[in-house]
Amino acid sequence: MRTDLIRRTALIVAGIAATAGGIAGPALAAQATPAERAATVQAERRPAGDRELDVRYEAQPNFYYCGPAAARNALSVQGKDIDVDTMAKQMGTTEAGTNSINDITPVLNKETGKADAYRSVEIRTGKADDKQTKTLRADIVRTIDDGRAVVANIAGTATDTDGVSHSFAGGHYISVVGYRDNGDVVKIADSANPDQASYWITVDHLADWIATRGYATS
C-alpha cells in the first residue's frame, strides 16, 4: 500500500474514532479519496449480529391469501400499506393460492419502486445443502440490513426455537423480518395465525422449509 494511502486511511479511522467519542471528525475524513470514503461507508454498513425490522403486521383474511399477506407484511417495514386484494390481482392469486415466488417478486419490485430491488432465488432440491443454506443466510442478512424483508415460499413442517411446530403441507408464504447470531437464527412474520404472528427459527430449518420452492431477496 502506498504511504500516502496509509496516511489517509489512518486519518479516516481517527476521524471515525473521534466522532464515536463525541468529538467531531468530519474534516479528517474529508481528506480521503472517493474510493476510500466508499470503503469507509461499506465498513460502517457491515452486518450487525442482531437486527429486527418494524413490521405492521396483518393476518391474512382467508386461507389462500398467504402470498399477498406475506408481501404486505414485508412491504410494511418500508412504511408501505398496500391493499392485499390489489396485490392478489397482480399476483394472479386464486383459491388455489399464489403459484410461485416468481409471481410475488415483480409485485415487491413494483411497490418498492425499484425494478431490481428484489430477485427470486430457488432451492430446487428436496433438502437444502450447505451452500444453499449459506446463500440464504447471506441473502437474509443483506436484505434486512438494506431495510427490506425477505418473502419465502415454504412447504412442510418446521420447528421454531421454542419447540413449536408450524405445518403447511400444501405450501405457504411467510416474511423474514429479522435475524440474530449473524443470521444463524431468523425472525418470521407469519400471516396464517395472529396468535403465532412471529417466531424465531434457525436458518438451517428455514432453508429446508423452502426446499423445492424459493424466496424473494434483494
Protein backbone atom coordinates (compact mmCIF):
# COMPACT_ATOMS: atom_id res chain seq x y z
CA MET A 1 0.00 0.00 0.00
CA ARG A 2 1.32 3.48 -0.81
CA THR A 3 2.49 5.66 2.09
CA ASP A 4 0.01 8.43 1.24
CA LEU A 5 -2.88 5.92 1.17
CA ILE A 6 -1.81 4.52 4.55
CA ARG A 7 -1.80 8.05 5.95
CA ARG A 8 -5.24 8.85 4.53
CA THR A 9 -6.66 5.57 5.85
CA ALA A 10 -5.26 6.34 9.30
CA LEU A 11 -6.90 9.75 9.19
CA ILE A 12 -10.27 8.18 8.29
CA VAL A 13 -10.04 5.72 11.18
CA ALA A 14 -9.02 8.52 13.54
CA GLY A 15 -11.96 10.61 12.36
CA ILE A 16 -14.43 7.76 12.96
CA ALA A 17 -12.97 7.14 16.42
CA ALA A 18 -13.21 10.82 17.29
CA THR A 19 -16.82 11.01 16.16
CA ALA A 20 -17.69 7.90 18.18
CA GLY A 21 -16.24 9.59 21.24
CA GLY A 22 -18.38 12.67 20.73
CA ILE A 23 -15.67 14.82 19.14
CA ALA A 24 -16.30 15.99 15.59
CA GLY A 25 -14.00 14.47 12.98
CA PRO A 26 -15.51 15.12 9.50
CA ALA A 27 -12.63 17.38 8.45
CA LEU A 28 -10.21 14.45 8.67
CA ALA A 29 -12.45 12.09 6.71
CA ALA A 30 -12.94 14.73 4.05
CA GLN A 31 -9.28 14.36 3.07
CA ALA A 32 -9.93 10.82 1.81
CA THR A 33 -10.39 9.97 -1.84
CA PRO A 34 -13.88 8.99 -3.09
CA ALA A 35 -12.84 5.33 -3.19
CA GLU A 36 -11.63 5.46 0.41
CA ARG A 37 -14.82 7.18 1.57
CA ALA A 38 -16.87 4.48 -0.17
CA ALA A 39 -14.84 1.80 1.58
CA THR A 40 -15.48 3.51 4.92
CA VAL A 41 -19.24 3.64 4.29
CA GLN A 42 -19.22 -0.03 3.33
CA ALA A 43 -17.37 -0.92 6.53
CA GLU A 44 -19.93 1.00 8.60
CA ARG A 45 -22.75 -0.99 6.93
CA ARG A 46 -21.33 -4.39 7.74
CA PRO A 47 -23.99 -6.65 9.27
CA ALA A 48 -24.66 -6.34 12.98
CA GLY A 49 -25.10 -9.54 14.97
CA ASP A 50 -28.81 -8.88 15.56
CA ARG A 51 -31.36 -6.85 13.67
CA GLU A 52 -35.17 -6.65 13.51
CA LEU A 53 -37.40 -4.63 11.22
CA ASP A 54 -40.56 -2.87 12.37
CA VAL A 55 -43.49 -4.83 10.92
CA ARG A 56 -47.04 -3.51 10.84
CA TYR A 57 -48.47 -7.00 10.96
CA GLU A 58 -51.79 -8.09 9.50
CA ALA A 59 -53.16 -11.63 9.34
CA GLN A 60 -54.38 -12.98 6.02
CA PRO A 61 -58.15 -12.57 5.53
CA ASN A 62 -58.72 -16.06 4.08
CA PHE A 63 -56.95 -19.40 3.62
CA TYR A 64 -55.48 -18.66 0.19
CA TYR A 65 -54.18 -15.09 0.60
CA CYS A 66 -50.89 -16.02 2.29
CA GLY A 67 -48.87 -14.77 -0.70
CA PRO A 68 -50.37 -11.28 -0.81
CA ALA A 69 -50.41 -11.11 3.01
CA ALA A 70 -46.73 -12.07 3.28
CA ALA A 71 -45.88 -9.42 0.68
CA ARG A 72 -48.00 -6.82 2.51
CA ASN A 73 -46.24 -7.56 5.81
CA ALA A 74 -42.85 -7.44 4.08
CA LEU A 75 -43.60 -4.09 2.44
CA SER A 76 -44.88 -2.66 5.73
CA VAL A 77 -41.30 -2.50 7.02
CA GLN A 78 -40.68 0.11 4.30
CA GLY A 79 -43.64 2.14 5.55
CA LYS A 80 -45.89 0.99 2.72
CA ASP A 81 -49.53 -0.04 3.16
CA ILE A 82 -50.81 -1.84 0.08
CA ASP A 83 -54.23 -3.48 -0.05
CA VAL A 84 -53.97 -7.28 -0.21
CA ASP A 85 -56.79 -7.52 -2.76
CA THR A 86 -54.83 -5.30 -5.11
CA MET A 87 -51.71 -7.39 -4.71
CA ALA A 88 -53.66 -10.64 -5.08
CA LYS A 89 -54.86 -9.47 -8.50
CA GLN A 90 -51.32 -8.53 -9.51
CA MET A 91 -50.02 -11.94 -8.37
CA GLY A 92 -52.79 -13.93 -10.03
CA THR A 93 -53.83 -15.37 -6.68
CA THR A 94 -56.85 -17.68 -6.71
CA GLU A 95 -58.39 -20.09 -4.22
CA ALA A 96 -55.57 -22.42 -5.21
CA GLY A 97 -53.14 -19.85 -3.83
CA THR A 98 -50.26 -17.98 -5.49
CA ASN A 99 -48.32 -20.15 -7.92
CA SER A 100 -44.72 -19.35 -7.02
CA ILE A 101 -42.29 -16.79 -5.64
CA ASN A 102 -41.81 -15.63 -9.23
CA ASP A 103 -45.34 -14.16 -9.11
CA ILE A 104 -44.53 -12.23 -5.93
CA THR A 105 -41.11 -10.77 -6.75
CA PRO A 106 -42.39 -8.44 -9.54
CA VAL A 107 -45.05 -7.05 -7.20
CA LEU A 108 -42.47 -6.39 -4.48
CA ASN A 109 -40.36 -4.52 -7.03
CA LYS A 110 -43.34 -2.52 -8.29
CA GLU A 111 -44.42 -1.46 -4.81
CA THR A 112 -40.84 -0.79 -3.68
CA GLY A 113 -40.45 1.48 -6.69
CA LYS A 114 -37.27 -0.12 -7.93
CA ALA A 115 -37.22 -2.67 -10.73
CA ASP A 116 -34.33 -4.64 -9.30
CA ALA A 117 -34.97 -4.27 -5.57
CA TYR A 118 -35.88 -7.95 -5.34
CA ARG A 119 -34.94 -11.11 -7.23
CA SER A 120 -36.15 -14.68 -6.93
CA VAL A 121 -33.88 -17.45 -5.65
CA GLU A 122 -34.94 -21.09 -5.91
CA ILE A 123 -33.87 -24.05 -3.80
CA ARG A 124 -34.83 -26.76 -6.24
CA THR A 125 -33.59 -29.76 -4.26
CA GLY A 126 -35.71 -31.65 -1.74
CA LYS A 127 -33.35 -30.60 1.05
CA ALA A 128 -31.06 -27.58 1.20
CA ASP A 129 -27.33 -28.28 1.11
CA ASP A 130 -24.67 -26.27 2.96
CA LYS A 131 -24.07 -23.92 0.03
CA GLN A 132 -27.79 -23.14 -0.39
CA THR A 133 -28.16 -22.54 3.36
CA LYS A 134 -25.11 -20.26 3.40
CA THR A 135 -26.52 -18.30 0.45
CA LEU A 136 -29.91 -17.96 2.16
CA ARG A 137 -28.24 -16.69 5.33
CA ALA A 138 -26.25 -14.08 3.40
CA ASP A 139 -29.32 -13.03 1.40
CA ILE A 140 -31.39 -12.54 4.56
CA VAL A 141 -28.72 -10.52 6.34
CA ARG A 142 -28.08 -8.29 3.32
CA THR A 143 -31.78 -7.69 2.60
CA ILE A 144 -32.62 -6.86 6.21
CA ASP A 145 -29.56 -4.64 6.51
CA ASP A 146 -30.94 -2.79 3.46
CA GLY A 147 -34.22 -2.22 5.35
CA ARG A 148 -36.27 -4.78 3.44
CA ALA A 149 -37.89 -8.08 4.40
CA VAL A 150 -37.47 -11.40 2.60
CA VAL A 151 -40.56 -13.28 1.37
CA ALA A 152 -40.28 -17.07 1.31
CA ASN A 153 -42.44 -19.83 -0.16
CA ILE A 154 -42.31 -22.81 2.19
CA ALA A 155 -43.88 -26.25 2.44
CA GLY A 156 -43.99 -28.99 5.07
CA THR A 157 -43.28 -28.75 8.79
CA ALA A 158 -40.61 -26.81 10.67
CA THR A 159 -39.97 -26.35 14.37
CA ASP A 160 -39.14 -22.94 15.81
CA THR A 161 -36.62 -22.17 18.55
CA ASP A 162 -39.34 -22.55 21.22
CA GLY A 163 -40.09 -26.10 20.05
CA VAL A 164 -43.40 -25.16 18.38
CA SER A 165 -44.14 -26.89 15.07
CA HIS A 166 -45.54 -24.99 12.10
CA SER A 167 -47.02 -27.19 9.40
CA PHE A 168 -48.14 -26.24 5.90
CA ALA A 169 -48.34 -29.39 3.83
CA GLY A 170 -49.87 -27.61 0.85
CA GLY A 171 -47.42 -24.71 0.93
CA HIS A 172 -47.41 -21.24 2.45
CA TYR A 173 -45.73 -17.81 2.21
CA ILE A 174 -44.00 -16.06 5.09
CA SER A 175 -41.89 -12.95 5.63
CA VAL A 176 -38.42 -12.96 7.19
CA VAL A 177 -38.09 -9.73 9.16
CA GLY A 178 -35.11 -10.11 11.46
CA TYR A 179 -32.03 -12.09 12.37
CA ARG A 180 -29.72 -12.74 15.28
CA ASP A 181 -26.44 -14.58 15.81
CA ASN A 182 -25.23 -13.13 12.49
CA GLY A 183 -28.09 -14.76 10.61
CA ASP A 184 -27.99 -18.23 12.13
CA VAL A 185 -31.46 -17.60 13.60
CA VAL A 186 -34.13 -15.57 11.78
CA LYS A 187 -37.45 -13.98 12.71
CA ILE A 188 -40.61 -14.94 10.83
CA ALA A 189 -43.75 -12.85 10.39
CA ASP A 190 -46.48 -15.39 9.63
CA SER A 191 -49.88 -14.21 8.40
CA ALA A 192 -51.59 -17.58 8.95
CA ASN A 193 -52.37 -17.22 12.64
CA PRO A 194 -52.29 -13.94 14.61
CA ASP A 195 -51.73 -15.97 17.79
CA GLN A 196 -48.42 -17.05 16.24
CA ALA A 197 -47.72 -13.85 14.35
CA SER A 198 -43.98 -14.09 14.83
CA TYR A 199 -41.41 -16.65 15.89
CA TRP A 200 -37.72 -17.46 15.52
CA ILE A 201 -36.31 -20.36 13.53
CA THR A 202 -32.80 -21.47 12.61
CA VAL A 203 -31.73 -20.63 9.08
CA ASP A 204 -30.95 -24.33 8.55
CA HIS A 205 -34.58 -25.25 9.25
CA LEU A 206 -35.82 -22.38 7.10
CA ALA A 207 -33.65 -23.48 4.16
CA ASP A 208 -35.12 -26.98 4.32
CA TRP A 209 -38.60 -25.47 4.66
CA ILE A 210 -38.04 -23.51 1.45
CA ALA A 211 -36.57 -26.53 -0.38
CA THR A 212 -38.32 -27.28 -3.73
CA ARG A 213 -39.56 -23.67 -3.72
CA GLY A 214 -37.96 -20.25 -3.45
CA TYR A 215 -37.69 -16.83 -1.86
CA ALA A 216 -37.56 -13.16 -2.84
CA THR A 217 -34.48 -11.28 -1.68
CA SER A 218 -32.51 -8.16 -2.54
